[in-house]
Amino acid sequence: MLNWLAPLLLLLALLVGAGDAAAQSAPAPSFAVGDTWAFTIIGDRLPVAAIIALIYFGVVRTHRVLGLTMLAVFGVLLVWTAPNRWGVGIALHYLSRVYWPDPADPIPP
């Protein structure tokens, strides 16, 4: 029954990830294209990948109550820690700009 759910959720996660760039109305400056991508992946996509892995490896299927409890806990943690994860991503981006400055950056640190 859940064999179709994992690929569907993976596809949904990929589509949501691709929609982030399309939702921006103004084009990004050429010097800043892609410099926050790693921090976005680490902070947002890896926790979603953990939830998908729980479904894919069958925790919900083999132990229904434990699996649903784990999914609920991960879902709550994903929403609850979102501002902190985004803040860490912004801080890591700032530190990367301070320690490895881009000579083409018009606003130096």
Foldseek 3Di string as FASTA:
>chain_A
DLPVVLVVLVVVLVVVVVVVVVPDDDDDDPVPPPLLVVLCCVLQVVLSVVLSVLSVVQVCPPPVVVSVVVNVVSVVCNVVCNVVSVVVSVVVSVVCCQVPNDPVDPDHD
